[in-house]
N, C-alpha and C. Protein backbone atom coordinates (compact mmCIF):
# COMPACT_ATOMS: atom_id res chain seq x y z
N MET A 1 160.55 -62.98 114.25
CA MET A 1 161.99 -62.35 113.93
C MET A 1 162.29 -62.20 112.48
N ILE A 2 162.63 -61.21 111.98
CA ILE A 2 163.20 -61.07 110.72
C ILE A 2 164.55 -61.51 110.95
N ASN A 3 164.81 -62.44 109.76
CA ASN A 3 166.15 -63.26 109.41
C ASN A 3 166.89 -62.30 108.51
N ALA A 4 167.38 -61.19 108.98
CA ALA A 4 168.04 -60.21 108.16
C ALA A 4 168.83 -59.41 109.03
N VAL A 5 170.19 -59.28 108.65
CA VAL A 5 171.39 -58.82 109.54
C VAL A 5 171.06 -57.39 109.98
N SER A 6 170.42 -56.59 108.88
CA SER A 6 170.05 -55.15 108.93
C SER A 6 169.19 -54.92 110.02
N TYR A 7 168.13 -55.91 110.35
CA TYR A 7 167.39 -56.07 111.41
C TYR A 7 167.84 -56.30 112.67
N ARG A 8 168.43 -57.38 112.79
CA ARG A 8 169.23 -58.01 113.68
C ARG A 8 170.33 -57.27 114.64
N ASP A 9 170.89 -56.92 113.68
CA ASP A 9 172.30 -56.10 114.10
C ASP A 9 172.40 -54.65 113.50
N PRO A 10 171.54 -53.85 113.44
CA PRO A 10 171.64 -52.41 112.79
C PRO A 10 173.02 -51.49 112.67
N LYS A 11 173.79 -52.03 113.59
CA LYS A 11 175.10 -51.14 113.74
C LYS A 11 176.26 -51.91 113.11
N SER A 12 176.05 -53.13 112.47
CA SER A 12 177.26 -53.86 112.12
C SER A 12 177.78 -53.45 110.90
N PRO A 13 178.99 -53.47 110.34
CA PRO A 13 179.60 -53.22 108.86
C PRO A 13 178.55 -53.93 108.00
N MET A 14 177.93 -54.81 108.09
CA MET A 14 177.19 -55.33 106.95
C MET A 14 175.87 -54.47 106.75
N ALA A 15 175.25 -53.90 107.75
CA ALA A 15 174.35 -53.22 107.69
C ALA A 15 174.87 -51.66 107.13
N GLU A 16 175.82 -51.46 107.47
CA GLU A 16 176.17 -50.11 106.91
C GLU A 16 176.62 -50.57 105.37
N ALA A 17 176.92 -51.58 105.02
CA ALA A 17 177.22 -51.72 103.65
C ALA A 17 175.85 -51.73 102.93
N TYR A 18 174.72 -51.99 103.51
CA TYR A 18 173.47 -51.80 102.73
C TYR A 18 173.14 -50.57 102.79
N ARG A 19 173.34 -49.62 103.96
CA ARG A 19 173.04 -48.31 104.03
C ARG A 19 173.80 -47.64 102.79
N ALA A 20 175.01 -48.17 102.39
CA ALA A 20 175.72 -47.25 101.45
C ALA A 20 175.13 -47.55 100.10
N VAL A 21 174.40 -49.17 100.09
CA VAL A 21 173.89 -49.37 98.61
C VAL A 21 172.71 -48.49 98.47
N ALA A 22 171.69 -48.28 99.61
CA ALA A 22 170.74 -47.45 99.59
C ALA A 22 170.99 -45.94 99.26
N ALA A 23 172.12 -45.47 99.76
CA ALA A 23 172.53 -44.21 99.69
C ALA A 23 172.90 -44.05 98.19
N GLY A 24 173.27 -44.82 97.51
CA GLY A 24 173.96 -45.34 95.94
C GLY A 24 172.58 -45.00 95.22
N ILE A 25 171.40 -45.82 95.61
CA ILE A 25 170.26 -45.76 94.93
C ILE A 25 169.36 -44.46 95.30
N CYS A 26 169.53 -43.64 95.96
CA CYS A 26 169.08 -42.28 95.98
C CYS A 26 169.76 -41.32 95.34
N GLY A 27 170.76 -41.39 95.39
CA GLY A 27 171.85 -40.56 94.41
C GLY A 27 171.55 -40.82 93.39
N ALA A 28 171.39 -42.09 92.64
CA ALA A 28 170.85 -42.19 91.07
C ALA A 28 169.78 -42.16 90.61
N VAL A 29 168.56 -41.72 91.80
CA VAL A 29 167.48 -41.31 91.39
C VAL A 29 167.25 -39.92 91.67
N LYS A 30 166.87 -39.06 90.72
CA LYS A 30 166.72 -37.51 90.88
C LYS A 30 165.26 -37.37 91.07
N ASP A 31 164.18 -38.10 90.52
CA ASP A 31 163.08 -37.68 90.73
C ASP A 31 162.46 -37.81 91.91
N SER A 32 161.80 -37.03 92.67
CA SER A 32 161.10 -37.21 93.90
C SER A 32 160.07 -37.91 93.92
N SER A 33 159.40 -38.77 93.09
CA SER A 33 158.04 -39.22 93.16
C SER A 33 158.49 -40.76 93.41
N PRO A 34 157.34 -41.42 93.55
CA PRO A 34 157.63 -43.13 94.22
C PRO A 34 158.49 -43.63 93.03
N ILE A 35 159.44 -44.67 93.55
CA ILE A 35 160.16 -45.27 92.66
C ILE A 35 160.30 -46.73 92.81
N ILE A 36 159.64 -47.17 91.31
CA ILE A 36 160.16 -49.07 91.71
C ILE A 36 161.42 -49.22 91.13
N ILE A 37 161.85 -50.14 91.92
CA ILE A 37 163.51 -50.69 91.66
C ILE A 37 163.59 -52.26 91.47
N GLU A 38 163.73 -52.72 90.36
CA GLU A 38 164.10 -54.18 90.17
C GLU A 38 165.36 -54.49 90.88
N ILE A 39 165.37 -55.62 91.64
CA ILE A 39 166.88 -55.92 92.06
C ILE A 39 167.05 -57.38 91.39
N THR A 40 167.92 -57.87 90.65
CA THR A 40 168.22 -58.79 89.79
C THR A 40 169.57 -59.18 89.50
N SER A 41 170.01 -60.37 88.84
CA SER A 41 171.29 -60.67 88.63
C SER A 41 171.36 -61.86 87.74
N ALA A 42 172.54 -62.01 87.47
CA ALA A 42 172.62 -62.91 86.16
C ALA A 42 172.00 -64.23 86.26
N GLY A 43 172.69 -65.02 87.46
CA GLY A 43 172.62 -66.53 87.95
C GLY A 43 171.95 -66.29 88.98
N SER A 44 171.44 -67.41 89.37
CA SER A 44 170.57 -67.51 90.43
C SER A 44 171.16 -67.58 92.09
N SER A 45 172.39 -67.66 92.21
CA SER A 45 173.04 -67.58 93.23
C SER A 45 173.76 -66.54 93.85
N ALA A 46 173.21 -65.32 93.55
CA ALA A 46 174.20 -64.31 93.43
C ALA A 46 173.80 -63.67 94.96
N GLY A 47 172.69 -63.72 95.58
CA GLY A 47 172.60 -63.50 96.83
C GLY A 47 171.59 -62.29 96.83
N LYS A 48 170.91 -61.75 95.57
CA LYS A 48 170.07 -60.79 95.28
C LYS A 48 168.73 -60.88 96.38
N SER A 49 168.44 -61.81 96.91
CA SER A 49 167.19 -61.88 97.59
C SER A 49 167.54 -61.25 99.01
N THR A 50 168.90 -61.77 99.54
CA THR A 50 168.94 -61.36 100.69
C THR A 50 169.68 -59.80 100.69
N ILE A 51 170.01 -59.28 99.57
CA ILE A 51 170.21 -57.96 99.25
C ILE A 51 168.97 -56.98 99.30
N ALA A 52 167.93 -57.33 98.59
CA ALA A 52 166.75 -56.69 98.41
C ALA A 52 166.00 -56.58 99.83
N ALA A 53 166.16 -57.97 100.74
CA ALA A 53 165.41 -57.45 101.92
C ALA A 53 166.00 -56.59 102.92
N ASN A 54 167.44 -56.58 102.78
CA ASN A 54 168.27 -56.14 103.76
C ASN A 54 168.04 -54.39 103.04
N LEU A 55 168.19 -53.90 101.78
CA LEU A 55 167.80 -52.73 101.48
C LEU A 55 166.70 -52.18 101.88
N ALA A 56 165.49 -53.15 101.88
CA ALA A 56 164.00 -52.56 101.99
C ALA A 56 163.98 -52.52 103.59
N ILE A 57 164.80 -53.00 104.48
CA ILE A 57 164.70 -52.93 105.86
C ILE A 57 165.60 -51.61 105.98
N VAL A 58 166.62 -51.13 105.57
CA VAL A 58 167.51 -49.92 105.98
C VAL A 58 166.69 -48.70 105.40
N MET A 59 166.18 -48.72 104.37
CA MET A 59 165.36 -47.79 103.78
C MET A 59 164.31 -47.47 104.70
N ALA A 60 163.67 -48.58 105.03
CA ALA A 60 162.38 -48.24 106.24
C ALA A 60 163.06 -47.72 107.57
N GLN A 61 164.32 -48.09 107.85
CA GLN A 61 164.67 -47.61 109.21
C GLN A 61 165.23 -46.00 108.97
N ALA A 62 165.21 -45.57 107.59
CA ALA A 62 165.57 -44.08 107.31
C ALA A 62 164.21 -43.34 107.51
N GLY A 63 163.30 -44.02 107.72
CA GLY A 63 161.98 -42.98 107.39
C GLY A 63 161.31 -43.28 106.06
N LYS A 64 161.74 -44.11 105.12
CA LYS A 64 160.72 -44.01 103.83
C LYS A 64 159.87 -45.04 104.17
N LYS A 65 158.83 -45.26 103.48
CA LYS A 65 157.73 -46.21 103.22
C LYS A 65 157.86 -47.04 102.17
N VAL A 66 158.17 -48.33 102.62
CA VAL A 66 158.81 -49.01 101.68
C VAL A 66 157.74 -50.51 101.34
N LEU A 67 157.49 -50.95 100.11
CA LEU A 67 156.98 -51.89 99.86
C LEU A 67 158.06 -52.96 99.18
N LEU A 68 157.91 -54.16 99.48
CA LEU A 68 159.13 -54.84 99.14
C LEU A 68 158.30 -56.20 98.54
N VAL A 69 158.39 -56.58 97.24
CA VAL A 69 157.46 -57.45 96.21
C VAL A 69 158.24 -58.93 95.89
N ASP A 70 158.04 -59.96 96.43
CA ASP A 70 159.02 -61.04 95.85
C ASP A 70 158.52 -61.27 94.63
N CYS A 71 159.26 -61.08 93.41
CA CYS A 71 158.48 -61.73 91.92
C CYS A 71 159.18 -63.05 91.77
N ASN A 72 159.68 -63.64 92.43
CA ASN A 72 160.78 -64.82 92.18
C ASN A 72 159.94 -66.11 92.54
N LEU A 73 158.89 -66.63 91.31
CA LEU A 73 158.15 -67.83 91.68
C LEU A 73 158.93 -68.87 91.83
N SER A 74 159.94 -69.28 91.14
CA SER A 74 160.91 -70.64 91.26
C SER A 74 161.59 -70.66 92.51
N HIS A 75 162.11 -69.47 92.98
CA HIS A 75 163.24 -69.56 94.39
C HIS A 75 162.31 -68.47 95.25
N PRO A 76 161.17 -68.55 95.66
CA PRO A 76 160.69 -67.49 96.48
C PRO A 76 161.28 -67.57 98.11
N THR A 77 161.88 -66.41 98.47
CA THR A 77 162.49 -66.52 99.73
C THR A 77 162.12 -65.44 100.75
N GLN A 78 161.33 -64.40 100.29
CA GLN A 78 161.13 -63.19 101.30
C GLN A 78 160.01 -63.61 102.47
N HIS A 79 159.13 -64.47 102.06
CA HIS A 79 158.36 -64.96 103.31
C HIS A 79 159.12 -65.58 104.15
N GLU A 80 160.17 -66.21 104.00
CA GLU A 80 160.94 -66.88 104.63
C GLU A 80 161.90 -66.10 105.79
N ILE A 81 162.39 -64.93 105.07
CA ILE A 81 162.99 -63.78 105.35
C ILE A 81 162.57 -63.10 106.54
N PHE A 82 160.91 -62.82 106.20
CA PHE A 82 160.56 -61.99 107.24
C PHE A 82 159.18 -63.20 108.24
N GLY A 83 159.44 -64.12 108.03
CA GLY A 83 158.58 -65.01 108.61
C GLY A 83 156.88 -64.85 108.54
N LEU A 84 156.47 -64.54 107.20
CA LEU A 84 155.16 -64.40 106.90
C LEU A 84 154.64 -65.45 105.88
N LYS A 85 153.52 -65.05 105.63
CA LYS A 85 152.67 -66.30 104.73
C LYS A 85 153.56 -66.13 103.02
N VAL A 86 153.19 -67.16 102.29
CA VAL A 86 153.81 -67.39 100.98
C VAL A 86 153.18 -66.83 100.05
N GLN A 87 151.48 -66.58 100.26
CA GLN A 87 150.47 -66.16 99.66
C GLN A 87 150.94 -64.87 98.89
N GLY A 88 150.59 -64.27 97.82
CA GLY A 88 150.97 -63.15 97.23
C GLY A 88 150.71 -62.74 95.79
N LEU A 89 151.82 -62.29 95.25
CA LEU A 89 151.62 -61.91 93.96
C LEU A 89 151.10 -62.57 92.90
N PHE A 90 151.78 -63.89 92.55
CA PHE A 90 151.25 -64.79 91.46
C PHE A 90 150.06 -65.44 91.89
N ASP A 91 149.54 -65.38 92.94
CA ASP A 91 147.95 -65.80 93.29
C ASP A 91 147.37 -64.59 92.97
N CYS A 92 147.73 -63.34 93.21
CA CYS A 92 146.88 -62.28 92.94
C CYS A 92 146.71 -62.43 91.11
N VAL A 93 147.68 -62.50 90.69
CA VAL A 93 147.87 -62.48 89.22
C VAL A 93 146.93 -63.43 88.43
N ALA A 94 146.81 -64.93 89.23
CA ALA A 94 146.18 -65.68 88.58
C ALA A 94 144.76 -65.81 88.89
N SER A 95 144.36 -64.98 90.13
CA SER A 95 142.61 -64.51 90.53
C SER A 95 142.16 -63.63 89.89
N GLY A 96 143.32 -62.47 89.26
CA GLY A 96 143.03 -61.28 88.88
C GLY A 96 142.54 -60.31 90.14
N GLY A 97 143.05 -60.58 91.22
CA GLY A 97 142.44 -59.74 92.67
C GLY A 97 143.20 -58.56 92.60
N ASP A 98 143.09 -57.91 93.66
CA ASP A 98 143.82 -56.75 93.80
C ASP A 98 144.83 -56.79 94.95
N LEU A 99 146.02 -56.56 93.89
CA LEU A 99 147.47 -56.71 95.01
C LEU A 99 147.44 -56.21 96.53
N SER A 100 146.56 -55.14 96.49
CA SER A 100 146.58 -54.46 97.74
C SER A 100 146.20 -55.49 99.11
N ALA A 101 145.46 -56.46 98.47
CA ALA A 101 144.88 -57.22 99.55
C ALA A 101 145.99 -58.31 99.93
N PHE A 102 147.02 -58.34 99.29
CA PHE A 102 148.52 -59.34 99.73
C PHE A 102 149.16 -58.93 100.35
N ARG A 103 149.19 -57.50 100.73
CA ARG A 103 150.17 -56.82 101.34
C ARG A 103 150.48 -57.25 103.04
N GLN A 104 151.53 -57.61 103.29
CA GLN A 104 151.63 -57.95 104.83
C GLN A 104 152.75 -57.13 105.76
N ALA A 105 152.14 -56.44 106.81
CA ALA A 105 152.91 -55.82 107.60
C ALA A 105 154.17 -56.65 108.04
N THR A 106 155.56 -56.08 108.11
CA THR A 106 156.49 -56.85 108.70
C THR A 106 157.17 -56.38 110.12
N ALA A 107 157.83 -56.83 110.75
CA ALA A 107 158.25 -56.29 112.04
C ALA A 107 158.69 -54.96 111.94
N GLN A 108 159.57 -54.78 110.65
CA GLN A 108 160.11 -53.59 110.72
C GLN A 108 159.00 -52.60 110.09
N THR A 109 159.16 -51.23 110.99
CA THR A 109 158.07 -49.94 110.83
C THR A 109 158.42 -49.74 109.62
N GLY A 110 157.28 -49.50 108.97
CA GLY A 110 157.37 -48.64 107.44
C GLY A 110 157.93 -49.74 106.22
N LEU A 111 157.90 -50.81 106.80
CA LEU A 111 158.16 -51.94 105.59
C LEU A 111 156.83 -52.90 105.26
N GLU A 112 156.37 -53.14 104.52
CA GLU A 112 155.42 -54.14 104.03
C GLU A 112 155.82 -55.06 103.02
N LEU A 113 155.43 -56.39 102.92
CA LEU A 113 155.76 -57.19 102.13
C LEU A 113 154.64 -57.91 101.42
N VAL A 114 154.84 -58.13 99.87
CA VAL A 114 154.10 -58.95 99.05
C VAL A 114 154.91 -59.97 98.66
N ALA A 115 154.49 -61.33 99.32
CA ALA A 115 155.06 -62.35 98.81
C ALA A 115 154.93 -62.91 97.57
N ALA A 116 155.75 -63.77 96.89
CA ALA A 116 155.63 -64.41 95.96
C ALA A 116 154.55 -65.14 95.47
N GLY A 117 153.77 -66.20 96.45
CA GLY A 117 152.61 -66.58 96.20
C GLY A 117 152.91 -68.11 95.44
N VAL A 118 152.15 -68.82 95.32
CA VAL A 118 152.13 -70.15 94.88
C VAL A 118 151.36 -70.77 93.71
N ASN A 119 150.50 -69.66 93.28
CA ASN A 119 149.76 -70.29 91.66
C ASN A 119 150.43 -69.34 90.78
N ALA A 120 151.07 -70.07 89.86
CA ALA A 120 151.77 -69.69 88.74
C ALA A 120 150.93 -69.55 87.49
N PRO A 121 150.81 -68.16 87.11
CA PRO A 121 150.12 -67.97 85.67
C PRO A 121 151.21 -68.42 84.59
N ILE A 122 150.43 -68.31 83.41
CA ILE A 122 151.28 -69.17 82.30
C ILE A 122 152.09 -68.14 81.74
N ALA A 123 151.73 -66.72 82.00
CA ALA A 123 152.60 -65.68 81.61
C ALA A 123 152.20 -64.40 82.25
N ILE A 124 153.13 -63.36 82.31
CA ILE A 124 152.55 -62.18 83.01
C ILE A 124 153.07 -61.04 82.22
N SER A 125 152.62 -60.33 81.53
CA SER A 125 152.83 -59.25 80.78
C SER A 125 153.41 -57.90 81.63
N PRO A 126 154.49 -56.96 80.85
CA PRO A 126 154.85 -56.24 81.58
C PRO A 126 153.94 -54.83 81.89
N GLU A 127 152.88 -54.85 81.06
CA GLU A 127 151.64 -53.87 81.04
C GLU A 127 150.94 -54.37 82.24
N ALA A 128 150.89 -56.02 82.60
CA ALA A 128 149.91 -56.06 83.82
C ALA A 128 150.67 -55.59 84.98
N VAL A 129 151.84 -56.00 84.91
CA VAL A 129 152.78 -55.76 86.05
C VAL A 129 152.82 -54.55 86.69
N ARG A 130 152.76 -53.22 85.71
CA ARG A 130 153.00 -51.85 86.12
C ARG A 130 151.56 -51.55 86.49
N GLN A 131 150.65 -52.22 85.86
CA GLN A 131 149.14 -51.79 86.11
C GLN A 131 148.79 -52.10 87.75
N MET A 132 149.19 -53.32 88.03
CA MET A 132 149.29 -53.86 89.62
C MET A 132 149.82 -52.86 90.43
N LEU A 133 151.28 -52.36 89.97
CA LEU A 133 151.86 -51.67 91.04
C LEU A 133 151.67 -50.07 90.83
N ASN A 134 150.90 -49.85 89.87
CA ASN A 134 150.50 -48.21 90.03
C ASN A 134 149.39 -48.13 91.25
N THR A 135 148.44 -49.38 91.15
CA THR A 135 147.66 -49.21 92.24
C THR A 135 147.96 -48.95 93.83
N LEU A 136 149.26 -49.28 93.60
CA LEU A 136 150.17 -49.19 95.19
C LEU A 136 151.10 -48.06 95.11
N VAL A 137 151.50 -47.84 94.16
CA VAL A 137 152.64 -46.93 94.34
C VAL A 137 152.52 -45.40 94.99
N ALA A 138 151.16 -44.90 94.92
CA ALA A 138 151.28 -43.80 95.57
C ALA A 138 151.24 -43.72 97.09
N ASN A 139 151.51 -45.06 97.65
CA ASN A 139 151.49 -45.40 99.12
C ASN A 139 152.90 -45.64 99.54
N TYR A 140 153.58 -45.40 98.74
CA TYR A 140 155.01 -45.55 99.26
C TYR A 140 156.37 -44.66 98.65
N ASP A 141 157.41 -44.74 99.33
CA ASP A 141 158.60 -43.88 98.64
C ASP A 141 159.20 -45.06 97.67
N TYR A 142 159.45 -46.03 98.12
CA TYR A 142 160.12 -47.23 97.12
C TYR A 142 159.29 -48.09 97.24
N ILE A 143 159.23 -49.06 95.80
CA ILE A 143 158.42 -50.36 95.96
C ILE A 143 160.01 -51.24 95.04
N LEU A 144 160.47 -52.22 96.03
CA LEU A 144 161.84 -53.02 95.61
C LEU A 144 160.95 -54.26 95.27
N LEU A 145 161.48 -54.66 93.81
CA LEU A 145 160.97 -55.78 93.20
C LEU A 145 162.10 -56.81 93.25
N ASP A 146 161.96 -57.76 94.14
CA ASP A 146 163.03 -59.08 94.15
C ASP A 146 162.69 -60.01 92.98
N ALA A 147 163.32 -59.73 91.85
CA ALA A 147 163.01 -60.64 90.72
C ALA A 147 163.99 -61.72 90.51
N ALA A 148 163.38 -62.63 89.53
CA ALA A 148 164.04 -63.89 89.22
C ALA A 148 165.47 -63.42 88.43
N SER A 149 166.35 -64.31 88.10
CA SER A 149 167.52 -64.08 87.67
C SER A 149 167.45 -63.84 86.02
N VAL A 150 168.11 -63.17 85.53
CA VAL A 150 168.01 -62.80 84.09
C VAL A 150 167.77 -63.78 83.24
N LEU A 151 169.07 -64.60 83.57
CA LEU A 151 169.23 -65.81 82.57
C LEU A 151 168.37 -67.04 82.90
N GLU A 152 167.76 -66.78 84.18
CA GLU A 152 166.92 -67.90 84.89
C GLU A 152 165.41 -68.07 84.25
N SER A 153 164.73 -66.60 84.12
CA SER A 153 163.54 -66.53 83.82
C SER A 153 163.12 -65.22 82.92
N ALA A 154 162.30 -65.50 82.19
CA ALA A 154 161.94 -64.28 81.25
C ALA A 154 161.11 -63.31 82.03
N SER A 155 160.51 -63.63 82.95
CA SER A 155 159.94 -62.73 83.99
C SER A 155 160.50 -61.54 84.43
N ALA A 156 162.14 -61.86 84.67
CA ALA A 156 162.92 -60.84 85.16
C ALA A 156 162.90 -59.47 84.23
N ILE A 157 162.71 -59.98 82.73
CA ILE A 157 162.68 -58.82 81.91
C ILE A 157 161.20 -58.06 81.87
N SER A 158 160.46 -58.79 82.07
CA SER A 158 158.93 -58.19 82.53
C SER A 158 158.74 -57.17 83.25
N PHE A 159 159.42 -57.54 84.73
CA PHE A 159 159.57 -56.78 86.02
C PHE A 159 160.32 -55.64 85.60
N ALA A 160 161.44 -55.88 84.72
CA ALA A 160 162.44 -54.59 84.71
C ALA A 160 161.78 -53.83 83.51
N SER A 161 161.08 -53.96 82.76
CA SER A 161 160.39 -52.88 81.96
C SER A 161 159.30 -52.07 82.64
N ALA A 162 158.62 -52.84 83.71
CA ALA A 162 157.73 -51.86 84.61
C ALA A 162 158.40 -51.13 85.70
N ALA A 163 159.91 -51.50 85.63
CA ALA A 163 160.33 -50.63 87.09
C ALA A 163 160.82 -49.13 86.40
N ASP A 164 161.28 -48.56 87.36
CA ASP A 164 162.22 -47.12 86.89
C ASP A 164 163.31 -47.30 86.94
N GLY A 165 164.14 -48.26 87.65
CA GLY A 165 165.38 -48.56 87.37
C GLY A 165 165.79 -50.05 87.98
N VAL A 166 167.27 -50.32 87.51
CA VAL A 166 167.65 -51.64 87.97
C VAL A 166 168.64 -51.55 88.69
N LEU A 167 168.58 -52.59 90.04
CA LEU A 167 170.00 -52.80 90.62
C LEU A 167 170.44 -54.17 90.46
N PHE A 168 171.70 -54.03 89.64
CA PHE A 168 171.99 -55.18 89.27
C PHE A 168 173.24 -55.91 90.26
N VAL A 169 172.94 -57.31 90.62
CA VAL A 169 173.85 -58.01 91.57
C VAL A 169 174.78 -59.07 91.03
N VAL A 170 176.25 -58.87 91.04
CA VAL A 170 177.13 -59.65 90.70
C VAL A 170 177.90 -60.36 91.78
N LYS A 171 177.88 -61.54 91.69
CA LYS A 171 178.64 -62.63 92.82
C LYS A 171 180.38 -62.62 92.70
N SER A 172 181.00 -62.19 93.35
CA SER A 172 182.37 -62.18 92.91
C SER A 172 183.14 -63.64 93.08
N GLY A 173 183.77 -63.78 92.09
CA GLY A 173 184.44 -65.13 91.87
C GLY A 173 183.67 -66.08 91.03
N GLU A 174 182.39 -65.95 91.15
CA GLU A 174 181.48 -67.03 90.38
C GLU A 174 181.11 -66.65 89.31
N GLU A 175 180.58 -65.45 89.29
CA GLU A 175 179.72 -65.04 88.02
C GLU A 175 180.63 -64.91 86.61
N ARG A 176 180.23 -65.60 85.58
CA ARG A 176 181.06 -65.61 84.48
C ARG A 176 180.86 -64.10 83.65
N PRO A 177 181.86 -63.45 83.41
CA PRO A 177 181.69 -62.21 82.52
C PRO A 177 180.82 -62.24 81.55
N LYS A 178 180.89 -63.35 80.69
CA LYS A 178 179.89 -63.34 79.35
C LYS A 178 178.37 -63.70 79.81
N ASP A 179 178.40 -64.06 81.15
CA ASP A 179 176.93 -64.18 81.65
C ASP A 179 176.50 -62.78 81.93
N ALA A 180 177.22 -62.05 82.83
CA ALA A 180 176.93 -60.91 83.19
C ALA A 180 176.65 -59.81 81.89
N ARG A 181 177.45 -59.99 81.01
CA ARG A 181 177.11 -59.21 79.73
C ARG A 181 176.16 -59.27 78.95
N LEU A 182 175.77 -60.63 79.04
CA LEU A 182 174.38 -61.10 78.24
C LEU A 182 173.13 -60.90 79.18
N ALA A 183 173.29 -60.86 80.35
CA ALA A 183 171.99 -60.35 81.33
C ALA A 183 171.96 -58.66 81.03
N LYS A 184 172.87 -58.15 80.92
CA LYS A 184 172.87 -56.65 81.12
C LYS A 184 172.46 -56.24 79.51
N LYS A 185 172.71 -57.04 78.34
CA LYS A 185 172.18 -56.77 77.12
C LYS A 185 170.88 -56.82 77.23
N ARG A 186 170.21 -57.99 77.71
CA ARG A 186 168.87 -58.17 77.82
C ARG A 186 167.94 -57.18 78.78
N LEU A 187 168.66 -56.78 79.72
CA LEU A 187 167.93 -55.78 80.41
C LEU A 187 168.19 -54.39 79.84
N ALA A 188 169.09 -54.14 78.89
CA ALA A 188 169.19 -52.87 78.29
C ALA A 188 168.18 -52.77 76.88
N GLN A 189 167.70 -53.88 76.67
CA GLN A 189 166.56 -53.83 75.50
C GLN A 189 165.21 -53.07 76.04
N MET A 190 165.07 -53.50 77.13
CA MET A 190 163.77 -52.80 78.09
C MET A 190 164.05 -51.15 78.32
N LYS A 191 165.18 -50.98 77.99
CA LYS A 191 165.59 -49.37 78.39
C LYS A 191 165.01 -48.79 79.57
N THR A 192 165.12 -49.84 80.58
CA THR A 192 165.07 -49.29 82.07
C THR A 192 166.50 -49.05 82.83
N PRO A 193 166.59 -47.75 82.96
CA PRO A 193 168.02 -47.34 83.64
C PRO A 193 168.44 -48.36 84.41
N ILE A 194 169.87 -48.96 84.57
CA ILE A 194 170.49 -49.41 85.39
C ILE A 194 171.21 -48.77 86.43
N LEU A 195 170.70 -48.74 87.56
CA LEU A 195 171.02 -47.60 88.52
C LEU A 195 172.33 -47.94 89.09
N GLY A 196 173.02 -49.18 89.25
CA GLY A 196 173.99 -49.37 89.57
C GLY A 196 174.23 -50.88 89.82
N CYS A 197 175.46 -51.33 90.18
CA CYS A 197 175.86 -52.65 90.50
C CYS A 197 176.28 -53.03 91.76
N VAL A 198 176.08 -53.88 92.62
CA VAL A 198 176.45 -54.55 93.61
C VAL A 198 177.34 -55.69 93.32
N LEU A 199 178.61 -55.64 93.84
CA LEU A 199 179.41 -56.69 93.79
C LEU A 199 179.59 -57.43 95.16
N ASN A 200 179.04 -58.68 94.96
CA ASN A 200 178.66 -59.40 96.47
C ASN A 200 179.54 -60.48 96.74
N CYS A 201 179.63 -60.73 97.98
CA CYS A 201 180.55 -61.84 98.42
C CYS A 201 182.03 -61.51 98.27
N VAL A 202 182.54 -60.20 98.41
CA VAL A 202 183.66 -60.16 98.20
C VAL A 202 184.50 -60.31 99.05
N LYS A 203 185.44 -61.20 99.08
CA LYS A 203 186.65 -61.69 100.27
C LYS A 203 187.46 -60.43 100.52
N VAL A 204 187.15 -59.89 101.93
CA VAL A 204 187.74 -58.82 102.34
C VAL A 204 188.34 -59.21 103.90
N ASP A 205 188.81 -58.33 104.62
CA ASP A 205 188.99 -58.35 106.13
C ASP A 205 187.81 -58.34 106.81
N ASP A 206 187.78 -58.94 107.83
CA ASP A 206 186.70 -58.64 108.69
C ASP A 206 186.27 -57.16 109.28
N ASP A 207 187.26 -56.53 109.52
CA ASP A 207 186.92 -55.04 109.42
C ASP A 207 186.12 -54.20 108.41
N ASP A 208 186.33 -54.65 107.20
CA ASP A 208 186.03 -54.11 105.91
C ASP A 208 184.43 -54.36 105.70
N ILE A 209 183.89 -53.60 104.81
CA ILE A 209 182.28 -53.56 104.40
C ILE A 209 182.90 -54.72 103.32
N SER A 210 181.71 -55.67 103.14
CA SER A 210 181.86 -56.99 102.16
C SER A 210 181.10 -56.70 101.12
N MET A 211 180.93 -55.53 100.84
CA MET A 211 180.25 -55.13 99.45
C MET A 211 180.90 -54.06 98.69
N ILE A 212 180.89 -53.75 97.46
CA ILE A 212 181.53 -52.67 96.81
C ILE A 212 180.41 -52.13 95.97
N VAL A 213 180.13 -51.19 96.00
CA VAL A 213 179.13 -50.46 95.31
C VAL A 213 179.61 -49.65 94.22
N ASN A 214 179.37 -49.93 92.76
CA ASN A 214 179.69 -49.15 91.89
C ASN A 214 178.39 -48.49 91.15
N LYS A 215 178.50 -46.83 91.34
CA LYS A 215 177.41 -46.52 90.72
C LYS A 215 178.04 -46.06 89.19
N VAL A 216 177.13 -46.60 88.01
CA VAL A 216 177.11 -46.51 86.96
C VAL A 216 175.96 -45.56 86.09
N GLU A 217 176.58 -45.47 84.71
CA GLU A 217 175.36 -44.59 83.95
C GLU A 217 174.57 -45.74 83.45
N ALA A 218 173.33 -45.27 83.02
CA ALA A 218 172.64 -46.11 82.28
C ALA A 218 172.94 -46.95 81.09
N ASN A 219 173.53 -45.87 80.34
CA ASN A 219 174.23 -46.52 79.02
C ASN A 219 175.56 -46.87 78.97
N ASN A 220 176.16 -46.94 80.31
CA ASN A 220 177.37 -47.64 80.07
C ASN A 220 177.51 -49.04 80.01
N ASP A 221 178.52 -49.37 78.88
CA ASP A 221 178.35 -50.70 78.63
C ASP A 221 179.50 -51.54 79.44
N ALA A 222 179.09 -52.86 79.73
CA ALA A 222 179.98 -53.77 80.24
C ALA A 222 181.14 -54.09 79.61
N SER A 223 182.21 -54.07 80.18
CA SER A 223 183.57 -54.47 79.71
C SER A 223 183.84 -55.87 79.71
C-alpha cells in the first residue's frame, strides 16, 4: 500500500491541495513536451519528499504518465512511501548501467519510481544527470526529481541544472528567511526557472487547505 494521502484518500482536502499545486505547475509550464521538474527546499525538514510523492500521484490520477526519481541519497524516502526496493539511481550511476532497468511500477496506475539506491558515487555531473534522464524522457509527461535540500547537498544544484524547472518548498514558521534567500540564489545561478513556491505546514482551520501555492516568475527575487 502506498503511504500517501493522495492515494489513500483522494477526496480529502489535502489531496485537493496537491491537485492545486499540480495545476499551478501545469499553468507555469507552457511547453507541451515532457517536463523534468526538481522539487527541493532550503533545509532538510520542509516536507518536500511527501510533496513530491503526492504530486506524482495526483498527476498520474489525472491521466499523466509520470516518473518519480528519488535523488536524495542522504535521506531516501520514496521507496518507503511506495513500499518498493531501495536500489535505484545512484546504483545506476556507480555501475554505469541503464536507468530504465531501475524503474519500478507503483500501485498507482501511470506512475513509476526510480528509488535512490545505496551506492553513492563520489560526484555526479549535471551532464551525466541529463543524459540519463534523456534516455527516459520520451516515455513520460512529467519526470519529478525529489532532490536533496539545496543547503544540505551540492547534488541539488546538479539536478536543478538538468531540470526544466524547480518547485521550491518552504516550511512555514521554521525556515529562516536568509536560508531561503541563499538557497534561491544558488538555484538562480543554474538559470533553471523556478516554477513556484509551496508554503508547507501552514497552521489553518481543519476545513482549509493546509498549503498555499504562490506562482512566481522565474526571475522574481526573494524579498
